């Protein structure tokens, strides 16, 4: 089931399948027309948590997440969730965390293919030089999310 709502970030879509959140869509993301549109209790909870996060009242999501990807991607996405609210890590940090320090580009690809942005905080991953690089929602959104976290208790 797929539900779209207006948020402080613009129109966001969240999709659930079999009791888990499987995808987040920003306004300009392509969405397959065969998706069933509607609302479930889980989607209502996901939007409630998203709004609390955007208001600075929630620092960690407690939703059943089931992103689709390769085993390597899933390992990267698990490590992204270990980066604390309001902090950042580099692609190299994540490559090291998954046990392959030379896999920086592969980590970048996994980050780029994260189907659950915000819920799996790929916006917290930056270049080794401290610069913001790549984000599916655009660098302005990435910067906004990092600033929001900094303002609401992040380091």
N, C-alpha and C. Protein backbone atom coordinates (compact mmCIF):
# COMPACT_ATOMS: atom_id res chain seq x y z
N UNK A 1 0.85 -1.17 0.00
CA UNK A 1 0.00 0.00 0.00
C UNK A 1 0.90 1.23 0.00
N UNK A 2 0.50 2.24 -0.71
CA UNK A 2 1.28 3.47 -0.86
C UNK A 2 0.42 4.65 -0.48
N UNK A 3 0.99 5.54 0.32
CA UNK A 3 0.27 6.72 0.77
C UNK A 3 1.16 7.94 0.58
N UNK A 4 0.58 9.01 0.06
CA UNK A 4 1.28 10.28 -0.09
C UNK A 4 0.65 11.32 0.82
N UNK A 5 1.51 12.15 1.41
CA UNK A 5 1.04 13.25 2.24
C UNK A 5 1.97 14.44 2.05
N UNK A 6 1.40 15.62 2.30
CA UNK A 6 2.21 16.84 2.33
C UNK A 6 2.94 16.88 3.67
N UNK A 7 4.23 17.20 3.63
CA UNK A 7 5.04 17.32 4.84
C UNK A 7 5.82 18.62 4.76
N UNK A 8 6.59 18.87 5.79
CA UNK A 8 7.47 20.05 5.78
C UNK A 8 8.50 19.97 4.66
N UNK A 9 8.71 18.77 4.11
CA UNK A 9 9.66 18.57 3.01
C UNK A 9 8.98 18.59 1.64
N UNK A 10 7.68 18.80 1.61
CA UNK A 10 6.91 18.67 0.38
C UNK A 10 6.17 17.34 0.40
N UNK A 11 5.69 16.95 -0.75
CA UNK A 11 4.92 15.72 -0.86
C UNK A 11 5.85 14.51 -0.71
N UNK A 12 5.52 13.62 0.24
CA UNK A 12 6.30 12.41 0.51
C UNK A 12 5.36 11.21 0.38
N UNK A 13 5.87 10.15 -0.23
CA UNK A 13 5.13 8.90 -0.29
C UNK A 13 5.85 7.85 0.55
N UNK A 14 5.07 7.05 1.26
CA UNK A 14 5.62 5.94 2.03
C UNK A 14 4.84 4.69 1.62
N UNK A 15 5.59 3.61 1.40
CA UNK A 15 4.97 2.36 0.96
C UNK A 15 5.22 1.27 1.98
N UNK A 16 4.16 0.52 2.27
CA UNK A 16 4.33 -0.65 3.13
C UNK A 16 3.91 -1.91 2.37
N UNK A 17 4.52 -3.00 2.80
CA UNK A 17 4.20 -4.30 2.21
C UNK A 17 4.38 -5.35 3.30
N UNK A 18 3.38 -6.16 3.49
CA UNK A 18 3.45 -7.27 4.44
C UNK A 18 3.90 -6.82 5.83
N UNK A 19 3.41 -5.68 6.29
CA UNK A 19 3.70 -5.22 7.65
C UNK A 19 5.04 -4.54 7.84
N UNK A 20 5.69 -4.14 6.77
CA UNK A 20 6.97 -3.43 6.86
C UNK A 20 6.98 -2.25 5.90
N UNK A 21 7.73 -1.22 6.27
CA UNK A 21 7.94 -0.08 5.38
C UNK A 21 9.02 -0.48 4.37
N UNK A 22 8.72 -0.33 3.08
CA UNK A 22 9.65 -0.79 2.04
C UNK A 22 10.19 0.33 1.16
N UNK A 23 9.55 1.49 1.15
CA UNK A 23 10.03 2.57 0.27
C UNK A 23 9.52 3.92 0.73
N UNK A 24 10.33 4.93 0.46
CA UNK A 24 9.97 6.33 0.66
C UNK A 24 10.20 7.03 -0.67
N UNK A 25 9.24 7.86 -1.07
CA UNK A 25 9.33 8.57 -2.34
C UNK A 25 9.28 10.07 -2.09
N UNK A 26 10.24 10.79 -2.66
CA UNK A 26 10.18 12.24 -2.67
C UNK A 26 9.28 12.65 -3.83
N UNK A 27 8.90 13.90 -3.85
CA UNK A 27 7.92 14.40 -4.80
C UNK A 27 8.24 14.07 -6.26
N UNK A 28 9.49 14.16 -6.65
CA UNK A 28 9.84 13.95 -8.05
C UNK A 28 10.31 12.54 -8.38
N UNK A 29 10.25 11.62 -7.40
CA UNK A 29 10.66 10.24 -7.66
C UNK A 29 9.62 9.53 -8.52
N UNK A 30 10.09 8.69 -9.46
CA UNK A 30 9.14 7.92 -10.25
C UNK A 30 8.47 6.85 -9.39
N UNK A 31 7.18 6.68 -9.57
CA UNK A 31 6.42 5.66 -8.84
C UNK A 31 5.67 4.82 -9.85
N UNK A 32 5.79 3.53 -9.75
CA UNK A 32 5.10 2.62 -10.65
C UNK A 32 3.59 2.81 -10.52
N UNK A 33 2.88 2.93 -11.64
CA UNK A 33 1.44 3.18 -11.58
C UNK A 33 0.64 1.98 -11.04
N UNK A 34 1.27 0.82 -10.91
CA UNK A 34 0.52 -0.35 -10.43
C UNK A 34 0.47 -0.44 -8.90
N UNK A 35 1.06 0.53 -8.21
CA UNK A 35 1.05 0.53 -6.74
C UNK A 35 -0.37 0.83 -6.25
N UNK A 36 -0.79 0.07 -5.25
CA UNK A 36 -2.10 0.30 -4.65
C UNK A 36 -1.98 1.47 -3.69
N UNK A 37 -2.83 2.48 -3.89
CA UNK A 37 -2.80 3.67 -3.06
C UNK A 37 -3.85 3.54 -1.96
N UNK A 38 -3.44 3.88 -0.76
CA UNK A 38 -4.35 3.82 0.38
C UNK A 38 -3.58 4.09 1.65
N UNK A 39 -4.22 3.80 2.77
CA UNK A 39 -3.59 4.08 4.04
C UNK A 39 -3.80 2.89 4.97
N UNK A 40 -2.76 2.57 5.72
CA UNK A 40 -2.84 1.50 6.71
C UNK A 40 -2.43 2.09 8.06
N UNK A 41 -2.64 1.34 9.12
CA UNK A 41 -2.22 1.79 10.45
C UNK A 41 -0.71 2.02 10.48
N UNK A 42 0.03 1.14 9.81
CA UNK A 42 1.49 1.29 9.76
C UNK A 42 1.89 2.57 9.03
N UNK A 43 1.24 2.88 7.93
CA UNK A 43 1.56 4.11 7.21
C UNK A 43 1.21 5.34 8.04
N UNK A 44 0.08 5.30 8.75
CA UNK A 44 -0.26 6.42 9.64
C UNK A 44 0.83 6.60 10.70
N UNK A 45 1.32 5.49 11.26
CA UNK A 45 2.38 5.55 12.26
C UNK A 45 3.67 6.09 11.65
N UNK A 46 4.00 5.66 10.44
CA UNK A 46 5.21 6.13 9.76
C UNK A 46 5.16 7.64 9.53
N UNK A 47 4.01 8.13 9.09
CA UNK A 47 3.89 9.58 8.87
C UNK A 47 3.91 10.34 10.21
N UNK A 48 3.33 9.76 11.23
CA UNK A 48 3.36 10.38 12.55
C UNK A 48 4.80 10.51 13.04
N UNK A 49 5.59 9.44 12.89
CA UNK A 49 6.99 9.49 13.30
C UNK A 49 7.79 10.46 12.42
N UNK A 50 7.51 10.48 11.12
CA UNK A 50 8.21 11.41 10.22
C UNK A 50 7.93 12.85 10.64
N UNK A 51 6.68 13.17 10.91
CA UNK A 51 6.34 14.54 11.33
C UNK A 51 7.01 14.88 12.65
N UNK A 52 7.07 13.93 13.59
CA UNK A 52 7.75 14.17 14.87
C UNK A 52 9.24 14.41 14.65
N UNK A 53 9.83 13.64 13.74
CA UNK A 53 11.25 13.83 13.40
C UNK A 53 11.46 15.24 12.82
N UNK A 54 10.62 15.62 11.88
CA UNK A 54 10.77 16.93 11.23
C UNK A 54 10.54 18.08 12.19
N UNK A 55 9.78 17.85 13.24
CA UNK A 55 9.53 18.87 14.25
C UNK A 55 10.62 18.86 15.34
N UNK A 56 11.58 17.94 15.23
CA UNK A 56 12.66 17.88 16.19
C UNK A 56 12.32 17.15 17.48
N UNK A 57 11.21 16.42 17.48
CA UNK A 57 10.79 15.71 18.70
C UNK A 57 11.17 14.22 18.68
N UNK A 58 11.65 13.72 17.58
CA UNK A 58 12.00 12.29 17.46
C UNK A 58 13.39 12.17 16.86
N UNK A 59 14.25 11.39 17.49
CA UNK A 59 15.61 11.24 17.00
C UNK A 59 15.88 9.84 16.45
N UNK A 60 14.99 8.91 16.71
CA UNK A 60 15.18 7.54 16.24
C UNK A 60 13.83 6.94 15.87
N UNK A 61 13.75 6.39 14.69
CA UNK A 61 12.50 5.79 14.23
C UNK A 61 12.35 4.38 14.81
N UNK A 62 11.12 4.00 15.09
CA UNK A 62 10.85 2.64 15.56
C UNK A 62 9.77 2.04 14.66
N UNK A 63 10.18 1.74 13.46
CA UNK A 63 9.29 1.18 12.45
C UNK A 63 9.90 -0.10 11.91
N UNK A 64 9.07 -1.05 11.50
CA UNK A 64 9.62 -2.24 10.84
C UNK A 64 10.03 -1.87 9.40
N UNK A 65 11.31 -1.88 9.15
CA UNK A 65 11.84 -1.51 7.83
C UNK A 65 12.32 -2.76 7.11
N UNK A 66 11.96 -2.87 5.84
CA UNK A 66 12.39 -4.02 5.05
C UNK A 66 12.78 -3.56 3.65
N UNK A 67 13.95 -2.88 3.54
CA UNK A 67 14.38 -2.43 2.22
C UNK A 67 14.83 -3.60 1.36
N UNK A 68 14.55 -3.50 0.07
CA UNK A 68 14.97 -4.55 -0.86
C UNK A 68 16.32 -4.17 -1.46
N UNK A 69 17.26 -5.13 -1.44
CA UNK A 69 18.57 -4.91 -2.00
C UNK A 69 19.43 -6.14 -1.83
N UNK A 70 20.65 -6.04 -2.29
CA UNK A 70 21.59 -7.15 -2.17
C UNK A 70 22.02 -7.29 -0.70
N UNK A 71 22.61 -8.42 -0.33
CA UNK A 71 23.11 -8.56 1.04
C UNK A 71 24.10 -7.45 1.41
N UNK A 72 24.98 -7.05 0.49
CA UNK A 72 25.92 -5.98 0.77
C UNK A 72 25.19 -4.67 1.03
N UNK A 73 24.21 -4.34 0.20
CA UNK A 73 23.45 -3.10 0.39
C UNK A 73 22.76 -3.11 1.75
N UNK A 74 22.16 -4.24 2.10
CA UNK A 74 21.46 -4.32 3.38
C UNK A 74 22.42 -4.14 4.54
N UNK A 75 23.64 -4.65 4.43
CA UNK A 75 24.64 -4.46 5.48
C UNK A 75 25.01 -2.98 5.58
N UNK A 76 25.20 -2.32 4.44
CA UNK A 76 25.50 -0.89 4.45
C UNK A 76 24.35 -0.13 5.11
N UNK A 77 23.12 -0.44 4.73
CA UNK A 77 21.97 0.26 5.29
C UNK A 77 21.85 0.04 6.80
N UNK A 78 22.21 -1.15 7.28
CA UNK A 78 22.22 -1.39 8.74
C UNK A 78 23.25 -0.47 9.41
N UNK A 79 24.41 -0.33 8.78
CA UNK A 79 25.46 0.52 9.36
C UNK A 79 25.07 2.00 9.32
N UNK A 80 24.32 2.41 8.31
CA UNK A 80 23.85 3.80 8.25
C UNK A 80 22.99 4.11 9.47
N UNK A 81 22.23 3.12 9.91
CA UNK A 81 21.35 3.32 11.06
C UNK A 81 22.12 3.44 12.38
N UNK A 82 23.39 3.07 12.35
CA UNK A 82 24.24 3.20 13.54
C UNK A 82 24.82 4.61 13.69
N UNK A 83 24.71 5.44 12.64
CA UNK A 83 25.24 6.81 12.72
C UNK A 83 24.24 7.62 13.55
N UNK A 84 24.67 8.13 14.70
CA UNK A 84 23.75 8.81 15.61
C UNK A 84 23.12 10.07 15.02
N UNK A 85 21.93 10.35 15.48
CA UNK A 85 21.21 11.58 15.16
C UNK A 85 22.14 12.78 15.37
N UNK A 86 22.17 13.66 14.39
CA UNK A 86 22.96 14.88 14.50
C UNK A 86 24.43 14.71 14.21
N UNK A 87 24.86 13.51 13.86
CA UNK A 87 26.26 13.28 13.54
C UNK A 87 26.38 12.81 12.10
N UNK A 88 27.60 12.83 11.60
CA UNK A 88 27.85 12.37 10.24
C UNK A 88 28.97 11.33 10.26
N UNK A 89 29.06 10.60 9.17
CA UNK A 89 30.14 9.65 8.94
C UNK A 89 30.50 9.75 7.47
N UNK A 90 31.69 9.32 7.12
CA UNK A 90 32.09 9.34 5.72
C UNK A 90 31.78 7.99 5.07
N UNK A 91 31.80 7.99 3.76
CA UNK A 91 31.62 6.74 3.02
C UNK A 91 32.71 5.74 3.43
N UNK A 92 33.92 6.26 3.66
CA UNK A 92 35.02 5.40 4.09
C UNK A 92 34.75 4.80 5.47
N UNK A 93 34.16 5.60 6.37
CA UNK A 93 33.79 5.09 7.70
C UNK A 93 32.83 3.90 7.57
N UNK A 94 31.87 4.04 6.69
CA UNK A 94 30.87 2.97 6.51
C UNK A 94 31.53 1.76 5.86
N UNK A 95 32.40 1.98 4.87
CA UNK A 95 33.11 0.86 4.24
C UNK A 95 33.92 0.09 5.28
N UNK A 96 34.58 0.82 6.16
CA UNK A 96 35.34 0.18 7.23
C UNK A 96 34.41 -0.59 8.17
N UNK A 97 33.27 0.01 8.49
CA UNK A 97 32.30 -0.63 9.39
C UNK A 97 31.74 -1.94 8.82
N UNK A 98 31.65 -2.04 7.49
CA UNK A 98 31.16 -3.29 6.90
C UNK A 98 32.30 -4.26 6.63
N UNK A 99 33.50 -3.89 7.05
CA UNK A 99 34.63 -4.80 6.94
C UNK A 99 35.37 -4.78 5.64
N UNK A 100 35.16 -3.73 4.83
CA UNK A 100 35.85 -3.63 3.55
C UNK A 100 36.22 -2.17 3.28
N UNK A 101 37.30 -1.69 3.89
CA UNK A 101 37.68 -0.28 3.79
C UNK A 101 37.89 0.23 2.36
N UNK A 102 38.12 -0.68 1.43
CA UNK A 102 38.34 -0.25 0.03
C UNK A 102 37.03 -0.16 -0.76
N UNK A 103 35.92 -0.49 -0.15
CA UNK A 103 34.63 -0.53 -0.86
C UNK A 103 33.90 0.81 -0.79
N UNK A 104 34.63 1.90 -0.79
CA UNK A 104 34.02 3.22 -0.65
C UNK A 104 33.01 3.49 -1.77
N UNK A 105 33.36 3.16 -2.99
CA UNK A 105 32.42 3.40 -4.12
C UNK A 105 31.19 2.52 -4.02
N UNK A 106 31.39 1.28 -3.62
CA UNK A 106 30.25 0.36 -3.45
C UNK A 106 29.33 0.87 -2.34
N UNK A 107 29.91 1.42 -1.29
CA UNK A 107 29.10 2.01 -0.22
C UNK A 107 28.33 3.21 -0.77
N UNK A 108 28.97 4.00 -1.60
CA UNK A 108 28.29 5.13 -2.24
C UNK A 108 27.12 4.68 -3.08
N UNK A 109 27.32 3.59 -3.83
CA UNK A 109 26.23 3.05 -4.65
C UNK A 109 25.07 2.57 -3.79
N UNK A 110 25.40 1.86 -2.70
CA UNK A 110 24.36 1.37 -1.79
C UNK A 110 23.61 2.55 -1.16
N UNK A 111 24.36 3.56 -0.78
CA UNK A 111 23.76 4.76 -0.20
C UNK A 111 22.80 5.40 -1.21
N UNK A 112 23.24 5.49 -2.45
CA UNK A 112 22.44 6.06 -3.52
C UNK A 112 21.16 5.27 -3.78
N UNK A 113 21.20 3.98 -3.55
CA UNK A 113 20.04 3.12 -3.83
C UNK A 113 19.19 2.85 -2.59
N UNK A 114 19.46 3.54 -1.51
CA UNK A 114 18.68 3.37 -0.29
C UNK A 114 17.20 3.69 -0.58
N UNK A 115 16.31 2.69 -0.46
CA UNK A 115 14.91 2.94 -0.76
C UNK A 115 14.14 3.60 0.38
N UNK A 116 14.82 3.81 1.52
CA UNK A 116 14.15 4.36 2.70
C UNK A 116 14.88 5.60 3.24
N UNK A 117 15.09 6.61 2.37
CA UNK A 117 15.78 7.80 2.87
C UNK A 117 15.02 8.39 4.07
N UNK A 118 15.72 9.02 4.92
CA UNK A 118 15.30 9.59 6.20
C UNK A 118 15.17 8.49 7.24
N UNK A 119 14.34 7.47 6.99
CA UNK A 119 14.20 6.37 7.94
C UNK A 119 15.52 5.61 8.09
N UNK A 120 16.20 5.38 6.99
CA UNK A 120 17.59 4.89 7.02
C UNK A 120 18.41 6.12 6.63
N UNK A 121 19.11 6.72 7.59
CA UNK A 121 19.64 8.08 7.43
C UNK A 121 20.87 8.22 6.53
N UNK A 122 20.69 8.01 5.25
CA UNK A 122 21.80 8.17 4.30
C UNK A 122 22.21 9.64 4.18
N UNK A 123 21.36 10.56 4.63
CA UNK A 123 21.73 11.98 4.59
C UNK A 123 22.88 12.29 5.54
N UNK A 124 23.16 11.40 6.48
CA UNK A 124 24.25 11.62 7.45
C UNK A 124 25.62 11.22 6.91
N UNK A 125 25.65 10.71 5.67
CA UNK A 125 26.91 10.25 5.10
C UNK A 125 27.46 11.35 4.19
N UNK A 126 28.72 11.71 4.46
CA UNK A 126 29.35 12.81 3.73
C UNK A 126 30.70 12.36 3.17
N UNK A 127 31.29 13.20 2.35
CA UNK A 127 32.60 12.89 1.79
C UNK A 127 33.67 12.93 2.87
N UNK A 128 34.78 12.26 2.62
CA UNK A 128 35.90 12.23 3.58
C UNK A 128 36.45 13.62 3.87
N UNK A 129 36.25 14.54 2.93
CA UNK A 129 36.73 15.91 3.11
C UNK A 129 35.73 16.78 3.87
N UNK A 130 34.63 16.17 4.32
CA UNK A 130 33.63 16.91 5.07
C UNK A 130 32.56 17.56 4.22
N UNK A 131 32.66 17.42 2.92
CA UNK A 131 31.68 18.04 2.01
C UNK A 131 30.45 17.17 1.84
N UNK A 132 29.33 17.84 1.61
CA UNK A 132 28.10 17.12 1.30
C UNK A 132 28.19 16.63 -0.14
N UNK A 133 27.92 15.35 -0.32
CA UNK A 133 27.91 14.79 -1.67
C UNK A 133 26.69 13.90 -1.81
N UNK A 134 26.10 13.94 -2.99
CA UNK A 134 25.01 13.07 -3.37
C UNK A 134 23.89 12.88 -2.36
N UNK A 135 22.66 13.06 -2.82
CA UNK A 135 21.48 12.71 -2.05
C UNK A 135 20.31 12.66 -3.02
N UNK A 136 19.53 11.59 -2.94
CA UNK A 136 18.42 11.40 -3.86
C UNK A 136 17.43 12.56 -3.87
N UNK A 137 17.24 13.18 -2.73
CA UNK A 137 16.33 14.31 -2.64
C UNK A 137 16.99 15.63 -2.97
N UNK A 138 18.29 15.59 -3.30
CA UNK A 138 19.04 16.80 -3.62
C UNK A 138 19.87 17.28 -2.43
N UNK A 139 20.97 17.94 -2.72
CA UNK A 139 21.87 18.40 -1.67
C UNK A 139 21.22 19.43 -0.74
N UNK A 140 20.30 20.23 -1.25
CA UNK A 140 19.64 21.21 -0.39
C UNK A 140 18.82 20.50 0.69
N UNK A 141 18.16 19.43 0.32
CA UNK A 141 17.39 18.66 1.30
C UNK A 141 18.32 17.98 2.30
N UNK A 142 19.42 17.42 1.81
CA UNK A 142 20.40 16.79 2.70
C UNK A 142 20.90 17.80 3.73
N UNK A 143 21.25 18.98 3.27
CA UNK A 143 21.73 20.03 4.16
C UNK A 143 20.65 20.42 5.17
N UNK A 144 19.41 20.51 4.71
CA UNK A 144 18.31 20.87 5.58
C UNK A 144 18.12 19.83 6.69
N UNK A 145 18.19 18.53 6.33
CA UNK A 145 18.02 17.46 7.32
C UNK A 145 19.15 17.48 8.35
N UNK A 146 20.37 17.69 7.89
CA UNK A 146 21.51 17.76 8.81
C UNK A 146 21.39 18.96 9.74
N UNK A 147 20.95 20.08 9.21
CA UNK A 147 20.77 21.30 10.01
C UNK A 147 19.64 21.11 11.03
N UNK A 148 18.56 20.46 10.62
CA UNK A 148 17.46 20.17 11.52
C UNK A 148 17.95 19.35 12.71
N UNK A 149 18.74 18.32 12.43
CA UNK A 149 19.26 17.46 13.50
C UNK A 149 20.21 18.24 14.40
N UNK A 150 21.02 19.09 13.82
CA UNK A 150 21.96 19.90 14.60
C UNK A 150 21.20 20.85 15.54
N UNK A 151 20.12 21.44 15.03
CA UNK A 151 19.32 22.39 15.83
C UNK A 151 18.59 21.72 16.98
N UNK A 152 18.26 20.46 16.80
CA UNK A 152 17.43 19.76 17.79
C UNK A 152 18.22 18.74 18.61
N UNK A 153 19.43 19.11 18.98
CA UNK A 153 20.14 18.27 19.92
C UNK A 153 21.25 17.44 19.35
N UNK A 154 21.47 17.50 18.04
CA UNK A 154 22.59 16.77 17.47
C UNK A 154 23.90 17.47 17.81
N UNK A 155 24.98 16.75 17.65
CA UNK A 155 26.29 17.30 17.98
C UNK A 155 26.73 18.28 16.90
